[in-house]
Amino acid sequence: MGRAFEYRKATKLKRWGHMARTFTKLGKEITIAARDGGPDPDMNPRLRVLIQQCKKENMPKENIERAIKKATDKSSEGYKEINYEGYGPHGIAIFVETATDNNMRTVANIRSYFTKHGGSLGTQGCLQFLFDRKSVFTVAPKEGIDLDELELELIDYGVDELEQDEDGNIIIYGDFSSYSQIQKYLEENGFEINSAEFVRIPNDQKTLTDEQRESVQKLIDKIEEDEDVQNVFTNMAD
């Protein structure tokens, strides 16, 4: 298995295991996608695949419609995507992605989590060099597909790695900027997209002892509990 696959497998966020939090996260992503690309899924590829993902997560239709409406509601302040970067205990790099309607609240909370758990919040951009940002698609297996041939074909669309998980799903990793063209290829060639997301994969991982890992994990858990937090990425080895 490749570096990207192993990292993603090892860093599944626990918040995705909780239905309410999953709905909250997807709802914010839908609002942002509808705001940036328009409320019509036929004209907005990002919104279209998010709605498909919501259906697979059994997210109620009214939740989806409410999230789209929020993007076009002029009386609503809406969400801003803001990243926070810092170091946890033992020098572990922590990259936090948020979607918030109150930046003052969010930055105060994130800073307090770092401070109380032996870390320090850094300046924006201080960790950019440590992570590669990737587009990740998970698609259902398709009869008669040769993975090696598919990978070769997708290279022209910005894909740099392709793996298959234990359930047979095909996981496709590509450049962040190649999201739209990868999605277009998959849709035009009849692939069923189970999920599509952006991840930050560390260039190098840091190994800790079990005791050290526990102290870092306490900080990560606290950050992930915050409703404004969408994703947390670190360079801590599994």
Foldseek 3Di string as FASTA:
>chain_A
DDQVVVQCVVCPDCLCVDLVLVLLLLLLQLLVQCLVQNLDCVRRVSNVQSVLLCVVSVNDPVSNVVSNVLNVDPVHQGWDWDKWWWAAPPGKTKIFIFTDSDVVVLVVQLQVLRVVLHIGIDDPPPCPVFWAKKKKWKWADDPPDDVVVVQVVCVVLFWDDWDADPVRIIMTIGHPVSNVSVSVVCVVVPIGTNHIDMDIRGPAADEDDPVRVVSRVVSVVSSVVDSRTNDMDIRHDD
